[in-house]
Amino acid sequence: MKPNEHDDGQGPTLIHDVLARVIVATRTSLQKFKHNDAGTQEEKDQLFSLLAGLEGALLLGLSIGQIGTKQNQPLDNLEA
């Protein structure tokens, strides 16, 4: 890979790669809902599960990002 304004040429870090994969998988699943929406309770439950997984991944990414930027702050003071 060649370096560019967004990347040093080494590719994404492990956490960035994992978060990107979660977001892409969630987007793909949500597109299926858009095209096959029947409004059933099962679909609603699946949607809530997808959104909870996406929220968890984003919060994990934000928390890890705070650890990297707030190295001198105790971990119990990090924002969620």
N, C-alpha and C. Protein backbone atom coordinates (compact mmCIF):
# COMPACT_ATOMS: atom_id res chain seq x y z
N MET A 1 0.83 -1.18 0.00
CA MET A 1 0.00 0.00 0.00
C MET A 1 0.88 1.25 0.00
N LYS A 2 0.40 2.26 -0.66
CA LYS A 2 1.11 3.53 -0.67
C LYS A 2 0.51 4.45 0.40
N PRO A 3 1.36 5.20 1.08
CA PRO A 3 0.84 6.17 2.06
C PRO A 3 -0.03 7.22 1.37
N ASN A 4 -1.04 7.68 2.10
CA ASN A 4 -1.87 8.78 1.62
C ASN A 4 -2.23 9.66 2.81
N GLU A 5 -3.13 10.61 2.62
CA GLU A 5 -3.46 11.53 3.69
C GLU A 5 -4.18 10.86 4.87
N HIS A 6 -4.74 9.68 4.67
CA HIS A 6 -5.49 8.99 5.72
C HIS A 6 -4.78 7.77 6.28
N ASP A 7 -3.69 7.36 5.66
CA ASP A 7 -3.04 6.11 6.04
C ASP A 7 -1.54 6.22 5.79
N ASP A 8 -0.75 5.59 6.66
CA ASP A 8 0.70 5.65 6.51
C ASP A 8 1.24 4.57 5.58
N GLY A 9 0.35 3.84 4.93
CA GLY A 9 0.76 2.78 4.02
C GLY A 9 0.83 1.42 4.67
N GLN A 10 0.64 1.36 5.98
CA GLN A 10 0.68 0.09 6.71
C GLN A 10 -0.70 -0.55 6.82
N GLY A 11 -1.75 0.15 6.43
CA GLY A 11 -3.10 -0.37 6.54
C GLY A 11 -3.68 -0.05 7.90
N PRO A 12 -4.93 -0.44 8.11
CA PRO A 12 -5.59 -0.10 9.37
C PRO A 12 -5.05 -0.93 10.54
N THR A 13 -5.18 -0.36 11.72
CA THR A 13 -4.82 -1.12 12.92
C THR A 13 -5.86 -2.22 13.12
N LEU A 14 -5.57 -3.16 13.98
CA LEU A 14 -6.50 -4.26 14.23
C LEU A 14 -7.86 -3.73 14.69
N ILE A 15 -7.87 -2.78 15.63
CA ILE A 15 -9.15 -2.29 16.14
C ILE A 15 -9.92 -1.55 15.05
N HIS A 16 -9.24 -0.78 14.21
CA HIS A 16 -9.93 -0.10 13.12
C HIS A 16 -10.51 -1.10 12.13
N ASP A 17 -9.78 -2.15 11.85
CA ASP A 17 -10.25 -3.18 10.93
C ASP A 17 -11.48 -3.89 11.49
N VAL A 18 -11.44 -4.23 12.77
CA VAL A 18 -12.58 -4.91 13.41
C VAL A 18 -13.80 -4.01 13.41
N LEU A 19 -13.63 -2.75 13.80
CA LEU A 19 -14.76 -1.82 13.83
C LEU A 19 -15.34 -1.62 12.43
N ALA A 20 -14.49 -1.51 11.43
CA ALA A 20 -14.98 -1.36 10.06
C ALA A 20 -15.79 -2.58 9.64
N ARG A 21 -15.31 -3.75 10.00
CA ARG A 21 -16.04 -4.98 9.64
C ARG A 21 -17.40 -5.04 10.33
N VAL A 22 -17.48 -4.61 11.60
CA VAL A 22 -18.75 -4.60 12.32
C VAL A 22 -19.72 -3.64 11.64
N ILE A 23 -19.24 -2.45 11.28
CA ILE A 23 -20.10 -1.45 10.65
C ILE A 23 -20.60 -1.94 9.29
N VAL A 24 -19.71 -2.53 8.50
CA VAL A 24 -20.11 -3.03 7.17
C VAL A 24 -21.11 -4.18 7.31
N ALA A 25 -20.87 -5.09 8.24
CA ALA A 25 -21.80 -6.21 8.43
C ALA A 25 -23.17 -5.71 8.90
N THR A 26 -23.18 -4.72 9.79
CA THR A 26 -24.44 -4.16 10.26
C THR A 26 -25.17 -3.47 9.12
N ARG A 27 -24.44 -2.69 8.32
CA ARG A 27 -25.05 -2.01 7.18
C ARG A 27 -25.68 -3.01 6.23
N THR A 28 -24.96 -4.10 5.94
CA THR A 28 -25.47 -5.13 5.03
C THR A 28 -26.76 -5.74 5.57
N SER A 29 -26.77 -6.04 6.86
CA SER A 29 -27.97 -6.61 7.48
C SER A 29 -29.13 -5.62 7.46
N LEU A 30 -28.84 -4.35 7.71
CA LEU A 30 -29.90 -3.34 7.69
C LEU A 30 -30.47 -3.16 6.29
N GLN A 31 -29.64 -3.29 5.26
CA GLN A 31 -30.14 -3.20 3.89
C GLN A 31 -31.11 -4.33 3.59
N LYS A 32 -30.83 -5.52 4.13
CA LYS A 32 -31.75 -6.64 3.94
C LYS A 32 -33.10 -6.34 4.59
N PHE A 33 -33.07 -5.71 5.77
CA PHE A 33 -34.31 -5.34 6.43
C PHE A 33 -35.10 -4.35 5.58
N LYS A 34 -34.40 -3.41 4.99
CA LYS A 34 -35.06 -2.38 4.19
C LYS A 34 -35.84 -3.01 3.04
N HIS A 35 -35.28 -4.05 2.44
CA HIS A 35 -35.91 -4.66 1.27
C HIS A 35 -36.91 -5.76 1.63
N ASN A 36 -36.84 -6.31 2.83
CA ASN A 36 -37.71 -7.42 3.21
C ASN A 36 -38.55 -7.11 4.44
N ASP A 37 -38.85 -5.84 4.66
CA ASP A 37 -39.55 -5.43 5.88
C ASP A 37 -40.99 -5.90 5.87
N ALA A 38 -41.32 -6.76 6.84
CA ALA A 38 -42.70 -7.22 7.01
C ALA A 38 -43.29 -6.69 8.31
N GLY A 39 -42.48 -6.05 9.13
CA GLY A 39 -42.97 -5.45 10.37
C GLY A 39 -43.28 -6.46 11.46
N THR A 40 -42.66 -7.62 11.44
CA THR A 40 -42.94 -8.63 12.46
C THR A 40 -42.14 -8.36 13.73
N GLN A 41 -42.58 -8.95 14.81
CA GLN A 41 -41.87 -8.82 16.08
C GLN A 41 -40.47 -9.43 15.99
N GLU A 42 -40.34 -10.52 15.25
CA GLU A 42 -39.02 -11.15 15.07
C GLU A 42 -38.05 -10.19 14.38
N GLU A 43 -38.53 -9.47 13.36
CA GLU A 43 -37.67 -8.48 12.70
C GLU A 43 -37.29 -7.34 13.65
N LYS A 44 -38.24 -6.93 14.45
CA LYS A 44 -37.96 -5.87 15.43
C LYS A 44 -36.90 -6.33 16.42
N ASP A 45 -37.01 -7.55 16.90
CA ASP A 45 -36.01 -8.09 17.82
C ASP A 45 -34.64 -8.19 17.16
N GLN A 46 -34.60 -8.63 15.91
CA GLN A 46 -33.33 -8.72 15.19
C GLN A 46 -32.73 -7.33 14.98
N LEU A 47 -33.56 -6.35 14.70
CA LEU A 47 -33.08 -4.98 14.51
C LEU A 47 -32.47 -4.44 15.80
N PHE A 48 -33.15 -4.65 16.93
CA PHE A 48 -32.61 -4.20 18.21
C PHE A 48 -31.29 -4.89 18.52
N SER A 49 -31.17 -6.16 18.17
CA SER A 49 -29.93 -6.89 18.38
C SER A 49 -28.80 -6.32 17.53
N LEU A 50 -29.08 -6.03 16.28
CA LEU A 50 -28.07 -5.42 15.40
C LEU A 50 -27.62 -4.06 15.93
N LEU A 51 -28.57 -3.25 16.33
CA LEU A 51 -28.23 -1.92 16.82
C LEU A 51 -27.45 -1.98 18.13
N ALA A 52 -27.78 -2.94 18.99
CA ALA A 52 -27.03 -3.10 20.24
C ALA A 52 -25.59 -3.52 19.96
N GLY A 53 -25.41 -4.41 19.00
CA GLY A 53 -24.05 -4.82 18.62
C GLY A 53 -23.25 -3.67 18.03
N LEU A 54 -23.89 -2.86 17.19
CA LEU A 54 -23.22 -1.70 16.61
C LEU A 54 -22.86 -0.69 17.70
N GLU A 55 -23.79 -0.45 18.61
CA GLU A 55 -23.53 0.48 19.71
C GLU A 55 -22.37 -0.01 20.56
N GLY A 56 -22.33 -1.30 20.85
CA GLY A 56 -21.24 -1.86 21.65
C GLY A 56 -19.90 -1.70 20.95
N ALA A 57 -19.87 -1.95 19.65
CA ALA A 57 -18.62 -1.81 18.91
C ALA A 57 -18.15 -0.36 18.90
N LEU A 58 -19.07 0.57 18.70
CA LEU A 58 -18.70 1.99 18.69
C LEU A 58 -18.21 2.45 20.06
N LEU A 59 -18.89 2.01 21.12
CA LEU A 59 -18.44 2.39 22.47
C LEU A 59 -17.08 1.80 22.79
N LEU A 60 -16.83 0.58 22.34
CA LEU A 60 -15.52 -0.03 22.53
C LEU A 60 -14.45 0.79 21.80
N GLY A 61 -14.72 1.15 20.56
CA GLY A 61 -13.78 1.95 19.80
C GLY A 61 -13.52 3.30 20.45
N LEU A 62 -14.57 3.95 20.92
CA LEU A 62 -14.40 5.25 21.60
C LEU A 62 -13.60 5.10 22.88
N SER A 63 -13.86 4.05 23.63
CA SER A 63 -13.14 3.82 24.88
C SER A 63 -11.66 3.57 24.62
N ILE A 64 -11.37 2.77 23.63
CA ILE A 64 -9.97 2.50 23.28
C ILE A 64 -9.30 3.78 22.79
N GLY A 65 -10.03 4.58 22.04
CA GLY A 65 -9.49 5.86 21.57
C GLY A 65 -9.16 6.78 22.73
N GLN A 66 -10.00 6.79 23.76
CA GLN A 66 -9.75 7.63 24.93
C GLN A 66 -8.52 7.16 25.69
N ILE A 67 -8.32 5.86 25.76
CA ILE A 67 -7.14 5.33 26.45
C ILE A 67 -5.88 5.83 25.74
N GLY A 68 -5.92 5.85 24.41
CA GLY A 68 -4.76 6.30 23.65
C GLY A 68 -4.50 7.79 23.78
N THR A 69 -5.55 8.59 23.98
CA THR A 69 -5.37 10.03 24.02
C THR A 69 -5.25 10.58 25.44
N LYS A 70 -5.62 9.79 26.42
CA LYS A 70 -5.61 10.26 27.81
C LYS A 70 -4.72 9.35 28.65
N GLN A 71 -3.47 9.21 28.26
CA GLN A 71 -2.58 8.26 28.89
C GLN A 71 -2.29 8.60 30.35
N ASN A 72 -2.35 9.85 30.74
CA ASN A 72 -2.04 10.23 32.12
C ASN A 72 -3.25 10.24 33.03
N GLN A 73 -4.42 9.92 32.51
CA GLN A 73 -5.65 9.92 33.30
C GLN A 73 -5.97 8.50 33.75
N PRO A 74 -6.36 8.32 35.03
CA PRO A 74 -6.73 6.98 35.51
C PRO A 74 -7.91 6.41 34.69
N LEU A 75 -7.93 5.10 34.47
CA LEU A 75 -8.95 4.47 33.64
C LEU A 75 -10.36 4.66 34.19
N ASP A 76 -10.52 4.79 35.50
CA ASP A 76 -11.86 4.93 36.05
C ASP A 76 -12.44 6.31 35.82
N ASN A 77 -11.67 7.26 35.26
CA ASN A 77 -12.16 8.60 34.96
C ASN A 77 -12.51 8.79 33.49
N LEU A 78 -12.42 7.74 32.69
CA LEU A 78 -12.72 7.87 31.27
C LEU A 78 -14.22 8.08 31.06
N GLU A 79 -14.55 8.85 30.03
CA GLU A 79 -15.94 9.10 29.70
C GLU A 79 -16.45 7.97 28.84
N ALA A 80 -17.78 7.72 28.91
CA ALA A 80 -18.39 6.69 28.07
C ALA A 80 -19.29 7.33 27.05
